[in-house]
C-alpha atoms as a PDB file:
ATOM      1  CA  MET A   1     207.820  62.520 -55.488  1.00  0.00           C
ATOM      2  CA  ALA A   2     205.913  59.276 -55.028  1.00  0.00           C
ATOM      3  CA  ASN A   3     203.562  58.874 -52.069  1.00  0.00           C
ATOM      4  CA  GLU A   4     203.824  62.497 -50.925  1.00  0.00           C
ATOM      5  CA  ILE A   5     200.093  62.856 -50.326  1.00  0.00           C
ATOM      6  CA  GLU A   6     197.630  60.725 -48.374  1.00  0.00           C
ATOM      7  CA  LEU A   7     194.204  60.440 -49.956  1.00  0.00           C
ATOM      8  CA  LEU A   8     191.200  59.319 -47.920  1.00  0.00           C
ATOM      9  CA  VAL A   9     189.193  57.127 -50.297  1.00  0.00           C
ATOM     10  CA  SER A  10     185.636  55.862 -49.935  1.00  0.00           C
ATOM     11  CA  ILE A  11     185.231  52.076 -49.659  1.00  0.00           C
ATOM     12  CA  ARG A  12     181.442  52.066 -49.486  1.00  0.00           C
ATOM     13  CA  LYS A  13     179.579  50.824 -52.537  1.00  0.00           C
ATOM     14  CA  GLN A  14     176.541  53.063 -52.937  1.00  0.00           C
ATOM     15  CA  GLY A  15     175.074  52.192 -56.319  1.00  0.00           C
ATOM     16  CA  GLU A  16     175.314  53.498 -59.857  1.00  0.00           C
ATOM     17  CA  VAL A  17     173.234  56.670 -59.383  1.00  0.00           C
ATOM     18  CA  SER A  18     174.679  57.683 -56.019  1.00  0.00           C
ATOM     19  CA  LEU A  19     176.749  60.853 -55.753  1.00  0.00           C
ATOM     20  CA  LYS A  20     179.518  58.768 -54.209  1.00  0.00           C
ATOM     21  CA  ARG A  21     180.915  55.345 -54.994  1.00  0.00           C
ATOM     22  CA  ARG A  22     183.655  53.060 -53.750  1.00  0.00           C
ATOM     23  CA  GLY A  23     186.985  54.491 -54.845  1.00  0.00           C
ATOM     24  CA  ASP A  24     186.077  58.203 -54.739  1.00  0.00           C
ATOM     25  CA  VAL A  25     188.557  60.596 -53.124  1.00  0.00           C
ATOM     26  CA  ILE A  26     187.024  62.296 -50.083  1.00  0.00           C
ATOM     27  CA  THR A  27     189.871  64.425 -48.747  1.00  0.00           C
ATOM     28  CA  CYS A  28     193.675  64.555 -48.608  1.00  0.00           C
ATOM     29  CA  ARG A  29     196.592  65.454 -46.362  1.00  0.00           C
ATOM     30  CA  LEU A  30     200.362  65.638 -46.672  1.00  0.00           C
ATOM     31  CA  ALA A  31     202.153  62.348 -46.013  1.00  0.00           C
ATOM     32  CA  GLY A  32     202.438  61.827 -42.275  1.00  0.00           C
ATOM     33  CA  GLY A  33     199.235  63.724 -41.559  1.00  0.00           C
ATOM     34  CA  LYS A  34     196.974  62.656 -38.711  1.00  0.00           C
ATOM     35  CA  TRP A  35     193.675  60.872 -39.359  1.00  0.00           C
ATOM     36  CA  GLY A  36     190.856  60.202 -36.937  1.00  0.00           C
ATOM     37  CA  ALA A  37     190.171  56.613 -35.908  1.00  0.00           C
ATOM     38  CA  ARG A  38     186.675  56.695 -37.381  1.00  0.00           C
ATOM     39  CA  GLU A  39     188.023  58.013 -40.692  1.00  0.00           C
ATOM     40  CA  THR A  40     190.548  55.199 -41.068  1.00  0.00           C
ATOM     41  CA  MET A  41     188.054  52.519 -40.034  1.00  0.00           C
ATOM     42  CA  SER A  42     185.305  53.744 -42.375  1.00  0.00           C
ATOM     43  CA  HIS A  43     187.505  54.674 -45.340  1.00  0.00           C
ATOM     44  CA  GLN A  44     190.877  53.769 -46.857  1.00  0.00           C
ATOM     45  CA  VAL A  45     194.084  55.813 -46.877  1.00  0.00           C
ATOM     46  CA  VAL A  46     195.941  55.632 -50.210  1.00  0.00           C
ATOM     47  CA  LEU A  47     199.526  56.919 -50.597  1.00  0.00           C
ATOM     48  CA  TRP A  48     199.710  58.883 -53.847  1.00  0.00           C
ATOM     49  CA  PRO A  49     200.963  59.613 -56.493  1.00  0.00           C
ATOM     50  CA  GLY A  50     202.519  56.270 -57.291  1.00  0.00           C
ATOM     51  CA  GLU A  51     205.793  55.435 -58.997  1.00  0.00           C
ATOM     52  CA  GLN A  52     203.844  54.895 -62.222  1.00  0.00           C
ATOM     53  CA  ALA A  53     201.767  58.093 -61.955  1.00  0.00           C
ATOM     54  CA  THR A  54     200.564  59.722 -65.162  1.00  0.00           C
ATOM     55  CA  GLU A  55     201.478  63.288 -66.114  1.00  0.00           C
ATOM     56  CA  GLU A  56     197.936  64.333 -65.117  1.00  0.00           C
ATOM     57  CA  GLU A  57     198.317  62.818 -61.659  1.00  0.00           C
ATOM     58  CA  LEU A  58     201.716  64.452 -61.153  1.00  0.00           C
ATOM     59  CA  ARG A  59     200.355  67.879 -62.082  1.00  0.00           C
ATOM     60  CA  ALA A  60     197.409  67.411 -59.755  1.00  0.00           C
ATOM     61  CA  SER A  61     199.637  66.232 -56.899  1.00  0.00           C
ATOM     62  CA  GLN A  62     201.922  69.251 -57.353  1.00  0.00           C
ATOM     63  CA  LEU A  63     198.948  71.602 -57.024  1.00  0.00           C
ATOM     64  CA  LEU A  64     197.637  69.795 -53.961  1.00  0.00           C
ATOM     65  CA  ASN A  65     201.091  69.791 -52.402  1.00  0.00           C
ATOM     66  CA  LEU A  66     201.311  73.529 -53.015  1.00  0.00           C
ATOM     67  CA  ILE A  67     197.979  74.202 -51.298  1.00  0.00           C
ATOM     68  CA  LEU A  68     198.615  71.890 -48.348  1.00  0.00           C
ATOM     69  CA  THR A  69     202.126  73.274 -47.787  1.00  0.00           C
ATOM     70  CA  LYS A  70     200.754  76.816 -47.908  1.00  0.00           C
ATOM     71  CA  LYS A  71     198.112  75.957 -45.312  1.00  0.00           C
ATOM     72  CA  LYS A  72     200.847  74.511 -43.102  1.00  0.00           C
ATOM     73  CA  SER A  73     202.853  77.733 -43.439  1.00  0.00           C
ATOM     74  CA  TRP A  74     199.802  79.658 -42.226  1.00  0.00           C
ATOM     75  CA  GLY A  75     199.914  77.643 -39.020  1.00  0.00           C
ATOM     76  CA  GLU A  76     197.306  74.966 -39.740  1.00  0.00           C
ATOM     77  CA  PRO A  77     198.764  71.947 -37.876  1.00  0.00           C
ATOM     78  CA  ASN A  78     197.130  69.170 -39.901  1.00  0.00           C
ATOM     79  CA  PRO A  79     196.113  70.712 -43.238  1.00  0.00           C
ATOM     80  CA  ARG A  80     193.638  69.037 -45.549  1.00  0.00           C
ATOM     81  CA  VAL A  81     191.765  69.739 -48.774  1.00  0.00           C
ATOM     82  CA  ASP A  82     188.287  68.232 -48.972  1.00  0.00           C
ATOM     83  CA  PHE A  83     186.824  66.823 -52.202  1.00  0.00           C
ATOM     84  CA  PRO A  84     189.809  67.954 -54.327  1.00  0.00           C
ATOM     85  CA  PHE A  85     188.756  66.014 -57.425  1.00  0.00           C
ATOM     86  CA  TYR A  86     185.055  66.834 -57.531  1.00  0.00           C
ATOM     87  CA  GLU A  87     183.812  69.050 -60.333  1.00  0.00           C
ATOM     88  CA  VAL A  88     182.490  72.403 -59.187  1.00  0.00           C
ATOM     89  CA  VAL A  89     180.693  74.525 -61.791  1.00  0.00           C
ATOM     90  CA  ASP A  90     178.442  77.547 -62.083  1.00  0.00           C
ATOM     91  CA  GLU A  91     175.094  76.162 -63.205  1.00  0.00           C
ATOM     92  CA  LYS A  92     171.756  77.680 -64.110  1.00  0.00           C
ATOM     93  CA  ILE A  93     168.818  76.643 -61.945  1.00  0.00           C
ATOM     94  CA  GLN A  94     166.193  74.837 -63.989  1.00  0.00           C
ATOM     95  CA  GLU A  95     162.474  74.827 -63.169  1.00  0.00           C
ATOM     96  CA  ASP A  96     160.323  71.676 -63.390  1.00  0.00           C
ATOM     97  CA  ASN A  97     158.956  72.913 -66.746  1.00  0.00           C
ATOM     98  CA  GLY A  98     162.467  73.157 -68.187  1.00  0.00           C
ATOM     99  CA  ASP A  99     162.762  76.949 -68.069  1.00  0.00           C
ATOM    100  CA  PHE A 100     165.693  78.554 -66.270  1.00  0.00           C
ATOM    101  CA  LYS A 101     164.889  80.460 -63.073  1.00  0.00           C
ATOM    102  CA  LYS A 102     165.329  84.254 -63.313  1.00  0.00           C
ATOM    103  CA  ASP A 103     166.048  86.964 -60.758  1.00  0.00           C
ATOM    104  CA  GLN A 104     164.044  90.205 -60.472  1.00  0.00           C
ATOM    105  CA  SER A 105     166.087  91.754 -63.282  1.00  0.00           C
ATOM    106  CA  GLY A 106     165.355  88.858 -65.621  1.00  0.00           C
ATOM    107  CA  ASN A 107     168.847  87.391 -65.459  1.00  0.00           C
ATOM    108  CA  ASP A 108     169.459  83.669 -65.077  1.00  0.00           C
ATOM    109  CA  ILE A 109     170.067  82.662 -61.457  1.00  0.00           C
ATOM    110  CA  ILE A 110     173.463  80.979 -61.204  1.00  0.00           C
ATOM    111  CA  LEU A 111     174.312  78.519 -58.448  1.00  0.00           C
ATOM    112  CA  ARG A 112     177.767  77.114 -57.744  1.00  0.00           C
ATOM    113  CA  VAL A 113     177.318  73.370 -57.359  1.00  0.00           C
ATOM    114  CA  MET A 114     179.441  70.250 -56.989  1.00  0.00           C
ATOM    115  CA  THR A 115     178.116  68.023 -59.735  1.00  0.00           C
ATOM    116  CA  ASN A 116     180.334  64.985 -60.078  1.00  0.00           C
ATOM    117  CA  ARG A 117     181.797  62.073 -58.284  1.00  0.00           C
ATOM    118  CA  SER A 118     185.564  62.241 -57.881  1.00  0.00           C
ATOM    119  CA  VAL A 119     187.312  62.439 -61.266  1.00  0.00           C
ATOM    120  CA  LEU A 120     190.282  60.608 -59.706  1.00  0.00           C
ATOM    121  CA  HIS A 121     188.906  57.188 -58.880  1.00  0.00           C
ATOM    122  CA  PHE A 122     190.491  54.021 -57.450  1.00  0.00           C
ATOM    123  CA  ASP A 123     189.414  50.495 -58.362  1.00  0.00           C
ATOM    124  CA  PHE A 124     189.891  47.959 -55.533  1.00  0.00           C
ATOM    125  CA  SER A 125     188.544  44.968 -57.477  1.00  0.00           C
ATOM    126  CA  GLU A 126     191.927  43.372 -58.248  1.00  0.00           C
ATOM    127  CA  LEU A 127     193.027  43.157 -54.594  1.00  0.00           C
ATOM    128  CA  PRO A 128     193.132  39.686 -52.993  1.00  0.00           C
ATOM    129  CA  GLU A 129     189.867  38.760 -51.303  1.00  0.00           C
ATOM    130  CA  SER A 130     191.475  38.520 -47.856  1.00  0.00           C
ATOM    131  CA  GLN A 131     192.880  42.023 -48.185  1.00  0.00           C
ATOM    132  CA  MET A 132     189.561  43.417 -49.402  1.00  0.00           C
ATOM    133  CA  LEU A 133     187.731  41.845 -46.464  1.00  0.00           C
ATOM    134  CA  ALA A 134     190.192  43.515 -44.086  1.00  0.00           C
ATOM    135  CA  ILE A 135     189.617  46.872 -45.790  1.00  0.00           C
ATOM    136  CA  LEU A 136     185.832  46.497 -45.519  1.00  0.00           C
ATOM    137  CA  ASP A 137     186.010  45.640 -41.807  1.00  0.00           C
ATOM    138  CA  ASP A 138     184.900  48.910 -40.193  1.00  0.00           C
ATOM    139  CA  THR A 139     186.003  47.837 -36.716  1.00  0.00           C
ATOM    140  CA  VAL A 140     189.720  48.199 -37.476  1.00  0.00           C
ATOM    141  CA  ALA A 141     191.866  50.648 -39.430  1.00  0.00           C
ATOM    142  CA  ALA A 142     193.289  49.059 -42.561  1.00  0.00           C
ATOM    143  CA  GLU A 143     196.934  49.624 -43.450  1.00  0.00           C
ATOM    144  CA  PRO A 144     197.501  52.392 -46.025  1.00  0.00           C
ATOM    145  CA  LEU A 145     197.633  51.221 -49.632  1.00  0.00           C
ATOM    146  CA  LEU A 146     200.043  52.332 -52.332  1.00  0.00           C
ATOM    147  CA  ALA A 147     198.432  53.913 -55.375  1.00  0.00           C
ATOM    148  CA  ASP A 148     200.483  51.548 -57.556  1.00  0.00           C
ATOM    149  CA  ASP A 149     198.657  48.580 -56.015  1.00  0.00           C
ATOM    150  CA  LEU A 150     195.296  49.827 -57.314  1.00  0.00           C
ATOM    151  CA  ARG A 151     193.858  50.481 -60.740  1.00  0.00           C
ATOM    152  CA  ILE A 152     193.487  54.254 -61.216  1.00  0.00           C
ATOM    153  CA  ASN A 153     190.904  55.937 -63.432  1.00  0.00           C
ATOM    154  CA  LEU A 154     190.821  59.600 -64.464  1.00  0.00           C
ATOM    155  CA  ASP A 155     187.404  60.632 -65.703  1.00  0.00           C
ATOM    156  CA  PRO A 156     186.884  63.418 -68.258  1.00  0.00           C
ATOM    157  CA  ARG A 157     185.489  66.650 -66.910  1.00  0.00           C
ATOM    158  CA  GLY A 158     181.994  67.926 -67.607  1.00  0.00           C
ATOM    159  CA  ILE A 159     180.287  64.554 -67.302  1.00  0.00           C
ATOM    160  CA  ASP A 160     177.472  64.036 -64.819  1.00  0.00           C
ATOM    161  CA  LYS A 161     177.973  60.521 -63.497  1.00  0.00           C
ATOM    162  CA  ARG A 162     175.064  60.565 -61.041  1.00  0.00           C
ATOM    163  CA  ASP A 163     172.681  59.155 -63.624  1.00  0.00           C
ATOM    164  CA  PRO A 164     173.800  56.747 -66.391  1.00  0.00           C
ATOM    165  CA  LEU A 165     171.322  58.418 -68.754  1.00  0.00           C
ATOM    166  CA  GLU A 166     172.885  61.837 -68.129  1.00  0.00           C
ATOM    167  CA  ARG A 167     176.538  61.144 -68.874  1.00  0.00           C
ATOM    168  CA  GLY A 168     176.917  63.473 -71.855  1.00  0.00           C
ATOM    169  CA  LEU A 169     178.530  66.887 -71.674  1.00  0.00           C
ATOM    170  CA  LYS A 170     176.230  69.626 -70.365  1.00  0.00           C
ATOM    171  CA  GLU A 171     176.343  72.460 -72.884  1.00  0.00           C
ATOM    172  CA  HIS A 172     175.014  75.048 -70.432  1.00  0.00           C
ATOM    173  CA  ARG A 173     177.810  74.420 -67.929  1.00  0.00           C
ATOM    174  CA  ALA A 174     180.691  76.827 -67.628  1.00  0.00           C
ATOM    175  CA  ILE A 175     183.232  74.001 -67.861  1.00  0.00           C
ATOM    176  CA  THR A 176     183.023  71.537 -70.740  1.00  0.00           C
ATOM    177  CA  GLU A 177     186.644  70.867 -71.754  1.00  0.00           C
ATOM    178  CA  PRO A 178     187.946  67.385 -70.907  1.00  0.00           C
ATOM    179  CA  ASP A 179     190.488  68.250 -68.205  1.00  0.00           C
ATOM    180  CA  PRO A 180     190.622  66.194 -65.003  1.00  0.00           C
ATOM    181  CA  ILE A 181     193.490  68.162 -63.476  1.00  0.00           C
ATOM    182  CA  LEU A 182     192.315  69.448 -60.101  1.00  0.00           C
ATOM    183  CA  HIS A 183     190.398  72.307 -61.757  1.00  0.00           C
ATOM    184  CA  GLU A 184     193.494  74.479 -61.799  1.00  0.00           C
ATOM    185  CA  GLY A 185     191.704  77.735 -62.564  1.00  0.00           C
ATOM    186  CA  GLU A 186     188.455  76.891 -60.851  1.00  0.00           C
ATOM    187  CA  CYS A 187     186.870  76.414 -57.462  1.00  0.00           C
ATOM    188  CA  LEU A 188     188.163  74.014 -54.843  1.00  0.00           C
ATOM    189  CA  ARG A 189     185.299  72.785 -52.702  1.00  0.00           C
ATOM    190  CA  ARG A 190     186.858  73.465 -49.294  1.00  0.00           C
ATOM    191  CA  ASP A 191     188.755  76.649 -50.006  1.00  0.00           C
ATOM    192  CA  GLU A 192     185.949  78.533 -51.734  1.00  0.00           C
ATOM    193  CA  THR A 193     188.298  80.296 -54.102  1.00  0.00           C
ATOM    194  CA  THR A 194     188.017  80.593 -57.855  1.00  0.00           C
ATOM    195  CA  ASN A 195     191.754  80.772 -58.421  1.00  0.00           C
ATOM    196  CA  ILE A 196     194.456  78.712 -56.734  1.00  0.00           C
ATOM    197  CA  GLN A 197     197.146  81.346 -57.295  1.00  0.00           C
ATOM    198  CA  ASP A 198     194.945  83.974 -55.625  1.00  0.00           C
ATOM    199  CA  TYR A 199     194.370  81.594 -52.727  1.00  0.00           C
ATOM    200  CA  ILE A 200     198.021  80.790 -52.014  1.00  0.00           C
ATOM    201  CA  SER A 201     199.032  84.444 -52.350  1.00  0.00           C
ATOM    202  CA  GLN A 202     197.028  85.277 -49.235  1.00  0.00           C
ATOM    203  CA  ASP A 203     198.668  85.876 -45.861  1.00  0.00           C
ATOM    204  CA  LYS A 204     196.563  84.254 -43.148  1.00  0.00           C
ATOM    205  CA  LYS A 205     197.016  84.227 -39.389  1.00  0.00           C
ATOM    206  CA  PRO A 206     196.499  81.012 -37.392  1.00  0.00           C
ATOM    207  CA  ILE A 207     193.008  80.719 -35.960  1.00  0.00           C
ATOM    208  CA  ASP A 208     192.515  80.236 -32.220  1.00  0.00           C
ATOM    209  CA  SER A 209     191.144  76.706 -32.507  1.00  0.00           C
ATOM    210  CA  TRP A 210     194.438  75.422 -33.954  1.00  0.00           C
ATOM    211  CA  SER A 211     196.210  76.034 -30.654  1.00  0.00           C
ATOM    212  CA  THR A 212     193.722  74.074 -28.536  1.00  0.00           C
END
């Protein structure tokens, strides 16, 4: 099942405390999906999972394949899932004084937030310089890369990588177990569902814009 999914990966280096970094997964499509010219000039398409994929990657790719195939069956002509490897958690809102914000009934106010960079991360540093220069040239679309040609990192869940000083587990978060697998029982950023099985069990009709 190698290279069944195309990942659009960021190639912009934005610093250690940025929410994004070079190598983060932005969105994905089934192999053979259509990408916009600006997308492929500004970012890099990576064919995934590779021949040497880990068990975690294979499980994640199976879930993504399931969602994308389901979207296609609903009539979406070029299905995608945005930010599939970003951590989404229910988090209490904290005031400047450290107290948690309350509603009128005195209950903690909970906000669903995307906290992390992509937990599936690609390292481009071992590519030949000439190839890297071609990838960074935003006037042309670089050829897709195979996942096996890049170093792949899977980060543990529950870690806030926006700030190097805040990389410990957050005890007040709903999700603290180290599990980087596509948040199987939790929210996907684009689909706004808390359960993948509930999402794919739906029967949706094609929307008008798909036919134009």
